[in-house]
Amino acid sequence: MEIRPATPADARGIWTVLEPIIREGETYALDSAMGEAEALAYWGGPGRSVFVAAEAGRILGTAYVRANQPGPGSHVANAGYAVHPEARGRGLARSLCAHSLEAARAMGFRAMQFNFVVSSNAPAVHLWQAMGFDLVGTLPGAFRHPRLGFVDALVMFRAL
C-alpha cells in the first residue's frame, strides 16, 4: 500500500472511495445525494492537502489535512479519512491517520482536532483513541443517522 499526495488524475479514484460513504450517510454530515463534482470540490477544497492510498494502481482510501481554523487557530490541523468499503478492516484508516499526523507535523501544525466524529461509528472512535486522540467534547444529538436517528457527535483532540 502506497500513501502519496493526490494528483488531478486521482479524481475518479477518490470519487469511487467517497461515493459509497456519502450514499451510506452514516459517518459524514454530507448530503447523501451529493454528486461527484460537489464531493470532489469539498474533499479537495482550498487549503486542503489531499492524499490517496493506492494498491496495484487502485485507490482504496483518501485523506485530507487542513488548518482547523484560520488566523489564531491555524496551528491546529483537521483531517478527514475515507476508506472504500471493500478495503475496510485492513488497517488502512490507521495508516492514513498515521500518515496525516506526520504530514501535519511537517506542515508545522502543533495539534490535530476532529470536529465531528459520529459517536455510532465505533471503529473510528476506537481507532482515533488508539492513535492518541482524547475525547474533549460531545455534541448531543448533532448527527441525524439514517438508521439510528439522532446520535451524538464527538470532538477529539491530540497534540502533535
N, C-alpha and C. Protein backbone atom coordinates (compact mmCIF):
# COMPACT_ATOMS: atom_id res chain seq x y z
N MET A 1 0.86 -1.18 0.00
CA MET A 1 0.00 0.00 0.00
C MET A 1 0.90 1.23 0.00
N GLU A 2 0.63 2.11 -0.94
CA GLU A 2 1.38 3.36 -1.04
C GLU A 2 0.45 4.51 -0.67
N ILE A 3 0.92 5.40 0.21
CA ILE A 3 0.18 6.63 0.51
C ILE A 3 1.01 7.77 -0.07
N ARG A 4 0.36 8.58 -0.90
CA ARG A 4 1.06 9.65 -1.61
C ARG A 4 0.12 10.84 -1.81
N PRO A 5 0.69 12.01 -2.14
CA PRO A 5 -0.16 13.15 -2.46
C PRO A 5 -1.05 12.84 -3.66
N ALA A 6 -2.27 13.29 -3.62
CA ALA A 6 -3.20 13.10 -4.73
C ALA A 6 -2.82 14.01 -5.89
N THR A 7 -3.14 13.55 -7.08
CA THR A 7 -2.95 14.36 -8.29
C THR A 7 -4.32 14.52 -8.96
N PRO A 8 -4.45 15.45 -9.90
CA PRO A 8 -5.73 15.57 -10.60
C PRO A 8 -6.19 14.27 -11.27
N ALA A 9 -5.25 13.44 -11.67
CA ALA A 9 -5.60 12.17 -12.30
C ALA A 9 -6.26 11.19 -11.33
N ASP A 10 -6.18 11.47 -10.02
CA ASP A 10 -6.76 10.60 -9.00
C ASP A 10 -8.23 10.89 -8.72
N ALA A 11 -8.78 11.92 -9.34
CA ALA A 11 -10.14 12.37 -9.01
C ALA A 11 -11.16 11.23 -9.11
N ARG A 12 -11.13 10.49 -10.17
CA ARG A 12 -12.12 9.41 -10.34
C ARG A 12 -11.96 8.34 -9.26
N GLY A 13 -10.73 7.99 -8.94
CA GLY A 13 -10.48 7.02 -7.89
C GLY A 13 -10.92 7.50 -6.52
N ILE A 14 -10.70 8.78 -6.24
CA ILE A 14 -11.16 9.36 -4.98
C ILE A 14 -12.68 9.29 -4.91
N TRP A 15 -13.34 9.60 -6.02
CA TRP A 15 -14.81 9.53 -6.04
C TRP A 15 -15.30 8.11 -5.77
N THR A 16 -14.61 7.09 -6.29
CA THR A 16 -15.05 5.72 -6.04
C THR A 16 -14.94 5.35 -4.56
N VAL A 17 -14.07 6.03 -3.83
CA VAL A 17 -13.97 5.83 -2.38
C VAL A 17 -15.05 6.63 -1.66
N LEU A 18 -15.22 7.88 -2.05
CA LEU A 18 -16.16 8.77 -1.36
C LEU A 18 -17.63 8.41 -1.60
N GLU A 19 -17.96 8.02 -2.82
CA GLU A 19 -19.37 7.83 -3.16
C GLU A 19 -20.10 6.86 -2.23
N PRO A 20 -19.60 5.65 -1.98
CA PRO A 20 -20.37 4.75 -1.11
C PRO A 20 -20.51 5.28 0.31
N ILE A 21 -19.52 6.02 0.78
CA ILE A 21 -19.57 6.58 2.14
C ILE A 21 -20.62 7.69 2.19
N ILE A 22 -20.65 8.52 1.18
CA ILE A 22 -21.65 9.59 1.12
C ILE A 22 -23.04 8.99 1.01
N ARG A 23 -23.21 7.99 0.16
CA ARG A 23 -24.52 7.36 -0.02
C ARG A 23 -25.00 6.66 1.27
N GLU A 24 -24.07 6.03 2.02
CA GLU A 24 -24.44 5.40 3.30
C GLU A 24 -24.98 6.43 4.28
N GLY A 25 -24.38 7.61 4.29
CA GLY A 25 -24.84 8.69 5.14
C GLY A 25 -24.66 8.46 6.63
N GLU A 26 -23.72 7.60 7.01
CA GLU A 26 -23.58 7.22 8.42
C GLU A 26 -22.39 7.84 9.13
N THR A 27 -21.47 8.49 8.39
CA THR A 27 -20.26 8.97 9.05
C THR A 27 -19.88 10.42 8.75
N TYR A 28 -20.39 10.99 7.70
CA TYR A 28 -20.09 12.40 7.36
C TYR A 28 -21.39 13.18 7.27
N ALA A 29 -21.35 14.41 7.72
CA ALA A 29 -22.52 15.29 7.64
C ALA A 29 -22.58 15.93 6.25
N LEU A 30 -22.76 15.07 5.27
CA LEU A 30 -22.86 15.48 3.87
C LEU A 30 -24.17 14.98 3.31
N ASP A 31 -24.72 15.71 2.36
CA ASP A 31 -25.96 15.30 1.70
C ASP A 31 -25.73 13.98 0.98
N SER A 32 -26.52 12.97 1.27
CA SER A 32 -26.32 11.65 0.67
C SER A 32 -26.59 11.64 -0.83
N ALA A 33 -27.18 12.70 -1.36
CA ALA A 33 -27.42 12.81 -2.80
C ALA A 33 -26.32 13.61 -3.50
N MET A 34 -25.29 14.02 -2.76
CA MET A 34 -24.21 14.83 -3.32
C MET A 34 -23.61 14.13 -4.54
N GLY A 35 -23.33 14.91 -5.57
CA GLY A 35 -22.74 14.38 -6.79
C GLY A 35 -21.23 14.41 -6.77
N GLU A 36 -20.64 13.84 -7.80
CA GLU A 36 -19.19 13.71 -7.89
C GLU A 36 -18.48 15.05 -7.83
N ALA A 37 -18.87 16.01 -8.64
CA ALA A 37 -18.18 17.30 -8.69
C ALA A 37 -18.22 18.00 -7.33
N GLU A 38 -19.39 17.99 -6.71
CA GLU A 38 -19.53 18.64 -5.41
C GLU A 38 -18.70 17.93 -4.33
N ALA A 39 -18.70 16.61 -4.35
CA ALA A 39 -17.93 15.85 -3.37
C ALA A 39 -16.43 16.09 -3.53
N LEU A 40 -15.96 16.08 -4.77
CA LEU A 40 -14.54 16.31 -5.01
C LEU A 40 -14.15 17.74 -4.65
N ALA A 41 -15.03 18.70 -4.90
CA ALA A 41 -14.75 20.09 -4.51
C ALA A 41 -14.67 20.22 -2.99
N TYR A 42 -15.54 19.51 -2.28
CA TYR A 42 -15.50 19.52 -0.82
C TYR A 42 -14.20 18.88 -0.32
N TRP A 43 -13.90 17.67 -0.79
CA TRP A 43 -12.76 16.90 -0.29
C TRP A 43 -11.44 17.60 -0.60
N GLY A 44 -11.35 18.18 -1.76
CA GLY A 44 -10.11 18.83 -2.18
C GLY A 44 -10.19 20.34 -2.16
N GLY A 45 -11.02 20.88 -1.29
CA GLY A 45 -11.25 22.32 -1.24
C GLY A 45 -10.01 23.13 -0.93
N PRO A 46 -10.12 24.43 -1.00
CA PRO A 46 -8.99 25.32 -0.75
C PRO A 46 -8.34 25.05 0.61
N GLY A 47 -7.02 25.05 0.60
CA GLY A 47 -6.27 24.87 1.83
C GLY A 47 -6.13 23.42 2.29
N ARG A 48 -6.63 22.48 1.51
CA ARG A 48 -6.55 21.07 1.90
C ARG A 48 -5.43 20.38 1.12
N SER A 49 -4.63 19.62 1.84
CA SER A 49 -3.65 18.73 1.22
C SER A 49 -4.30 17.36 1.18
N VAL A 50 -4.46 16.80 -0.01
CA VAL A 50 -5.17 15.53 -0.18
C VAL A 50 -4.16 14.42 -0.49
N PHE A 51 -4.40 13.27 0.11
CA PHE A 51 -3.55 12.10 -0.07
C PHE A 51 -4.42 10.93 -0.50
N VAL A 52 -3.81 9.98 -1.18
CA VAL A 52 -4.50 8.75 -1.55
C VAL A 52 -3.67 7.56 -1.10
N ALA A 53 -4.37 6.48 -0.79
CA ALA A 53 -3.74 5.20 -0.51
C ALA A 53 -4.07 4.31 -1.69
N ALA A 54 -3.04 3.83 -2.37
CA ALA A 54 -3.24 3.05 -3.58
C ALA A 54 -2.53 1.70 -3.47
N GLU A 55 -3.15 0.73 -4.11
CA GLU A 55 -2.57 -0.62 -4.17
C GLU A 55 -2.80 -1.13 -5.59
N ALA A 56 -1.73 -1.53 -6.22
CA ALA A 56 -1.80 -2.04 -7.59
C ALA A 56 -2.53 -1.06 -8.51
N GLY A 57 -2.30 0.24 -8.31
CA GLY A 57 -2.90 1.26 -9.15
C GLY A 57 -4.32 1.64 -8.82
N ARG A 58 -4.92 0.98 -7.82
CA ARG A 58 -6.31 1.28 -7.44
C ARG A 58 -6.34 2.08 -6.14
N ILE A 59 -7.08 3.16 -6.13
CA ILE A 59 -7.21 3.98 -4.93
C ILE A 59 -8.23 3.33 -4.00
N LEU A 60 -7.77 3.01 -2.79
CA LEU A 60 -8.62 2.35 -1.80
C LEU A 60 -8.97 3.25 -0.63
N GLY A 61 -8.25 4.37 -0.51
CA GLY A 61 -8.52 5.29 0.59
C GLY A 61 -7.99 6.66 0.27
N THR A 62 -8.46 7.63 1.02
CA THR A 62 -8.02 9.01 0.83
C THR A 62 -8.13 9.75 2.15
N ALA A 63 -7.34 10.80 2.25
CA ALA A 63 -7.35 11.64 3.45
C ALA A 63 -7.04 13.07 3.03
N TYR A 64 -7.45 14.00 3.87
CA TYR A 64 -7.02 15.39 3.67
C TYR A 64 -6.54 15.93 5.01
N VAL A 65 -5.68 16.93 4.93
CA VAL A 65 -5.20 17.67 6.09
C VAL A 65 -5.36 19.14 5.76
N ARG A 66 -5.86 19.89 6.73
CA ARG A 66 -6.03 21.33 6.54
C ARG A 66 -5.94 22.00 7.90
N ALA A 67 -5.87 23.32 7.91
CA ALA A 67 -5.97 24.06 9.16
C ALA A 67 -7.41 23.97 9.66
N ASN A 68 -7.57 23.69 10.94
CA ASN A 68 -8.91 23.57 11.51
C ASN A 68 -9.64 24.92 11.52
N GLN A 69 -8.91 25.98 11.78
CA GLN A 69 -9.47 27.33 11.83
C GLN A 69 -8.46 28.28 11.21
N PRO A 70 -8.90 29.45 10.76
CA PRO A 70 -7.96 30.44 10.24
C PRO A 70 -7.31 31.23 11.38
N GLY A 71 -6.38 32.07 11.01
CA GLY A 71 -5.78 33.02 11.96
C GLY A 71 -5.21 32.37 13.20
N PRO A 72 -5.63 32.86 14.38
CA PRO A 72 -5.04 32.37 15.63
C PRO A 72 -5.29 30.89 15.91
N GLY A 73 -6.17 30.23 15.16
CA GLY A 73 -6.40 28.80 15.33
C GLY A 73 -5.72 27.96 14.26
N SER A 74 -4.94 28.60 13.41
CA SER A 74 -4.38 27.90 12.26
C SER A 74 -3.22 26.96 12.59
N HIS A 75 -2.81 26.90 13.83
CA HIS A 75 -1.75 25.97 14.22
C HIS A 75 -2.30 24.58 14.56
N VAL A 76 -3.64 24.43 14.55
CA VAL A 76 -4.28 23.15 14.81
C VAL A 76 -4.81 22.60 13.49
N ALA A 77 -4.42 21.38 13.19
CA ALA A 77 -4.85 20.74 11.95
C ALA A 77 -6.20 20.07 12.14
N ASN A 78 -6.82 19.77 11.03
CA ASN A 78 -8.03 18.96 10.95
C ASN A 78 -7.78 17.97 9.82
N ALA A 79 -8.39 16.81 9.89
CA ALA A 79 -8.21 15.82 8.83
C ALA A 79 -9.51 15.07 8.62
N GLY A 80 -9.63 14.50 7.45
CA GLY A 80 -10.75 13.63 7.11
C GLY A 80 -10.21 12.39 6.43
N TYR A 81 -10.91 11.28 6.61
CA TYR A 81 -10.46 9.99 6.08
C TYR A 81 -11.63 9.27 5.42
N ALA A 82 -11.32 8.53 4.38
CA ALA A 82 -12.33 7.70 3.74
C ALA A 82 -11.63 6.46 3.20
N VAL A 83 -12.23 5.30 3.49
CA VAL A 83 -11.71 4.02 3.01
C VAL A 83 -12.84 3.32 2.25
N HIS A 84 -12.53 2.82 1.08
CA HIS A 84 -13.52 2.11 0.29
C HIS A 84 -14.05 0.93 1.10
N PRO A 85 -15.37 0.69 1.06
CA PRO A 85 -15.95 -0.41 1.84
C PRO A 85 -15.25 -1.76 1.63
N GLU A 86 -14.78 -2.01 0.41
CA GLU A 86 -14.10 -3.29 0.13
C GLU A 86 -12.75 -3.40 0.82
N ALA A 87 -12.18 -2.28 1.25
CA ALA A 87 -10.84 -2.29 1.85
C ALA A 87 -10.88 -2.13 3.37
N ARG A 88 -12.06 -2.07 3.95
CA ARG A 88 -12.17 -1.90 5.40
C ARG A 88 -11.64 -3.13 6.13
N GLY A 89 -11.12 -2.90 7.34
CA GLY A 89 -10.63 -4.00 8.17
C GLY A 89 -9.21 -4.42 7.86
N ARG A 90 -8.53 -3.66 7.02
CA ARG A 90 -7.16 -4.00 6.63
C ARG A 90 -6.12 -3.06 7.23
N GLY A 91 -6.54 -2.16 8.13
CA GLY A 91 -5.60 -1.23 8.75
C GLY A 91 -5.33 0.01 7.93
N LEU A 92 -6.12 0.23 6.89
CA LEU A 92 -5.89 1.38 6.01
C LEU A 92 -6.18 2.70 6.71
N ALA A 93 -7.26 2.76 7.49
CA ALA A 93 -7.57 4.01 8.21
C ALA A 93 -6.46 4.34 9.20
N ARG A 94 -5.92 3.34 9.88
CA ARG A 94 -4.80 3.56 10.80
C ARG A 94 -3.59 4.12 10.04
N SER A 95 -3.29 3.53 8.89
CA SER A 95 -2.16 4.01 8.10
C SER A 95 -2.38 5.43 7.60
N LEU A 96 -3.60 5.73 7.14
CA LEU A 96 -3.90 7.09 6.70
C LEU A 96 -3.79 8.08 7.85
N CYS A 97 -4.28 7.70 9.03
CA CYS A 97 -4.19 8.59 10.18
C CYS A 97 -2.73 8.84 10.55
N ALA A 98 -1.93 7.77 10.65
CA ALA A 98 -0.51 7.93 10.99
C ALA A 98 0.18 8.83 9.97
N HIS A 99 -0.13 8.62 8.69
CA HIS A 99 0.46 9.44 7.63
C HIS A 99 0.04 10.90 7.79
N SER A 100 -1.23 11.13 8.09
CA SER A 100 -1.71 12.52 8.20
C SER A 100 -1.10 13.22 9.42
N LEU A 101 -0.87 12.47 10.50
CA LEU A 101 -0.23 13.07 11.67
C LEU A 101 1.19 13.53 11.33
N GLU A 102 1.91 12.69 10.60
CA GLU A 102 3.27 13.07 10.18
C GLU A 102 3.22 14.24 9.19
N ALA A 103 2.29 14.20 8.26
CA ALA A 103 2.16 15.29 7.29
C ALA A 103 1.83 16.60 8.02
N ALA A 104 0.92 16.54 8.98
CA ALA A 104 0.55 17.74 9.74
C ALA A 104 1.75 18.30 10.49
N ARG A 105 2.54 17.41 11.12
CA ARG A 105 3.76 17.87 11.80
C ARG A 105 4.70 18.57 10.81
N ALA A 106 4.87 17.94 9.65
CA ALA A 106 5.77 18.50 8.64
C ALA A 106 5.27 19.85 8.12
N MET A 107 3.95 20.06 8.15
CA MET A 107 3.37 21.33 7.72
C MET A 107 3.44 22.39 8.82
N GLY A 108 3.91 22.01 10.00
CA GLY A 108 4.06 22.96 11.10
C GLY A 108 2.90 23.03 12.07
N PHE A 109 1.94 22.15 11.96
CA PHE A 109 0.83 22.13 12.91
C PHE A 109 1.31 21.62 14.27
N ARG A 110 0.68 22.09 15.33
CA ARG A 110 1.04 21.69 16.69
C ARG A 110 0.07 20.69 17.31
N ALA A 111 -1.08 20.52 16.69
CA ALA A 111 -2.10 19.61 17.21
C ALA A 111 -3.04 19.26 16.07
N MET A 112 -3.91 18.27 16.32
CA MET A 112 -4.94 17.91 15.36
C MET A 112 -6.26 17.75 16.10
N GLN A 113 -7.32 18.23 15.48
CA GLN A 113 -8.65 18.16 16.07
C GLN A 113 -9.63 17.60 15.06
N PHE A 114 -10.45 16.66 15.54
CA PHE A 114 -11.57 16.16 14.75
C PHE A 114 -12.82 16.83 15.32
N ASN A 115 -13.54 17.55 14.50
CA ASN A 115 -14.66 18.37 14.95
C ASN A 115 -15.98 17.62 15.08
N PHE A 116 -16.12 16.50 14.36
CA PHE A 116 -17.45 15.91 14.24
C PHE A 116 -17.32 14.41 13.95
N VAL A 117 -16.95 13.65 14.97
CA VAL A 117 -16.85 12.20 14.84
C VAL A 117 -18.19 11.62 15.27
N VAL A 118 -18.86 10.93 14.39
CA VAL A 118 -20.17 10.38 14.71
C VAL A 118 -19.99 9.27 15.74
N SER A 119 -20.66 9.42 16.88
CA SER A 119 -20.45 8.51 18.02
C SER A 119 -20.80 7.06 17.70
N SER A 120 -21.73 6.84 16.79
CA SER A 120 -22.11 5.46 16.44
C SER A 120 -21.08 4.79 15.54
N ASN A 121 -20.09 5.53 15.08
CA ASN A 121 -19.01 4.97 14.27
C ASN A 121 -17.93 4.44 15.23
N ALA A 122 -18.29 3.37 15.94
CA ALA A 122 -17.42 2.82 17.00
C ALA A 122 -16.03 2.45 16.51
N PRO A 123 -15.86 1.85 15.32
CA PRO A 123 -14.50 1.55 14.89
C PRO A 123 -13.62 2.80 14.78
N ALA A 124 -14.19 3.89 14.27
CA ALA A 124 -13.41 5.13 14.15
C ALA A 124 -13.10 5.70 15.52
N VAL A 125 -14.07 5.76 16.40
CA VAL A 125 -13.84 6.30 17.74
C VAL A 125 -12.73 5.51 18.43
N HIS A 126 -12.81 4.19 18.35
CA HIS A 126 -11.80 3.34 18.97
C HIS A 126 -10.42 3.60 18.35
N LEU A 127 -10.36 3.67 17.02
CA LEU A 127 -9.09 3.90 16.34
C LEU A 127 -8.49 5.24 16.70
N TRP A 128 -9.31 6.30 16.68
CA TRP A 128 -8.76 7.63 16.98
C TRP A 128 -8.23 7.66 18.41
N GLN A 129 -8.91 7.01 19.33
CA GLN A 129 -8.40 6.95 20.71
C GLN A 129 -7.09 6.16 20.75
N ALA A 130 -7.00 5.08 20.02
CA ALA A 130 -5.76 4.30 19.96
C ALA A 130 -4.62 5.10 19.34
N MET A 131 -4.96 6.06 18.48
CA MET A 131 -3.95 6.91 17.85
C MET A 131 -3.61 8.14 18.71
N GLY A 132 -4.12 8.18 19.94
CA GLY A 132 -3.75 9.23 20.87
C GLY A 132 -4.70 10.39 20.99
N PHE A 133 -5.87 10.31 20.35
CA PHE A 133 -6.85 11.39 20.44
C PHE A 133 -7.67 11.24 21.71
N ASP A 134 -7.89 12.36 22.38
CA ASP A 134 -8.76 12.40 23.56
C ASP A 134 -10.12 12.92 23.15
N LEU A 135 -11.14 12.39 23.79
CA LEU A 135 -12.49 12.92 23.62
C LEU A 135 -12.59 14.17 24.48
N VAL A 136 -12.81 15.33 23.84
CA VAL A 136 -12.83 16.59 24.58
C VAL A 136 -14.21 17.24 24.59
N GLY A 137 -15.14 16.67 23.85
CA GLY A 137 -16.48 17.24 23.85
C GLY A 137 -17.48 16.34 23.18
N THR A 138 -18.74 16.51 23.57
CA THR A 138 -19.84 15.76 22.98
C THR A 138 -20.90 16.76 22.54
N LEU A 139 -21.37 16.60 21.32
CA LEU A 139 -22.43 17.43 20.76
C LEU A 139 -23.69 16.56 20.75
N PRO A 140 -24.55 16.68 21.76
CA PRO A 140 -25.69 15.78 21.91
C PRO A 140 -26.65 15.84 20.71
N GLY A 141 -26.91 14.66 20.13
CA GLY A 141 -27.88 14.56 19.05
C GLY A 141 -27.55 15.37 17.81
N ALA A 142 -26.28 15.67 17.59
CA ALA A 142 -25.90 16.58 16.50
C ALA A 142 -25.90 15.93 15.12
N PHE A 143 -25.99 14.61 15.05
CA PHE A 143 -25.97 13.92 13.75
C PHE A 143 -27.24 13.11 13.57
N ARG A 144 -27.88 13.28 12.43
CA ARG A 144 -29.10 12.53 12.11
C ARG A 144 -28.70 11.29 11.30
N HIS A 145 -28.56 10.21 12.00
CA HIS A 145 -28.14 8.95 11.40
C HIS A 145 -29.32 8.34 10.63
N PRO A 146 -29.09 7.80 9.43
CA PRO A 146 -30.21 7.30 8.63
C PRO A 146 -30.94 6.09 9.23
N ARG A 147 -30.30 5.34 10.10
CA ARG A 147 -30.94 4.17 10.72
C ARG A 147 -31.19 4.35 12.21
N LEU A 148 -30.31 5.09 12.89
CA LEU A 148 -30.36 5.18 14.35
C LEU A 148 -31.03 6.45 14.86
N GLY A 149 -31.37 7.35 13.98
CA GLY A 149 -31.94 8.62 14.42
C GLY A 149 -30.85 9.56 14.90
N PHE A 150 -31.17 10.41 15.84
CA PHE A 150 -30.22 11.42 16.31
C PHE A 150 -29.20 10.78 17.25
N VAL A 151 -27.92 10.90 16.88
CA VAL A 151 -26.83 10.40 17.70
C VAL A 151 -25.85 11.54 17.97
N ASP A 152 -25.03 11.35 18.98
CA ASP A 152 -24.05 12.37 19.35
C ASP A 152 -22.93 12.45 18.32
N ALA A 153 -22.32 13.62 18.26
CA ALA A 153 -21.06 13.81 17.53
C ALA A 153 -20.01 14.15 18.57
N LEU A 154 -18.79 13.70 18.33
CA LEU A 154 -17.72 13.87 19.29
C LEU A 154 -16.66 14.82 18.73
N VAL A 155 -16.03 15.57 19.62
CA VAL A 155 -14.88 16.40 19.30
C VAL A 155 -13.67 15.70 19.92
N MET A 156 -12.65 15.44 19.11
CA MET A 156 -11.48 14.71 19.58
C MET A 156 -10.23 15.54 19.25
N PHE A 157 -9.19 15.42 20.10
CA PHE A 157 -8.02 16.30 20.00
C PHE A 157 -6.77 15.56 20.44
N ARG A 158 -5.66 15.88 19.80
CA ARG A 158 -4.36 15.41 20.27
C ARG A 158 -3.27 16.37 19.86
N ALA A 159 -2.28 16.51 20.72
CA ALA A 159 -1.09 17.30 20.39
C ALA A 159 -0.24 16.51 19.40
N LEU A 160 0.55 17.23 18.63
CA LEU A 160 1.46 16.56 17.69
C LEU A 160 2.88 16.58 18.22
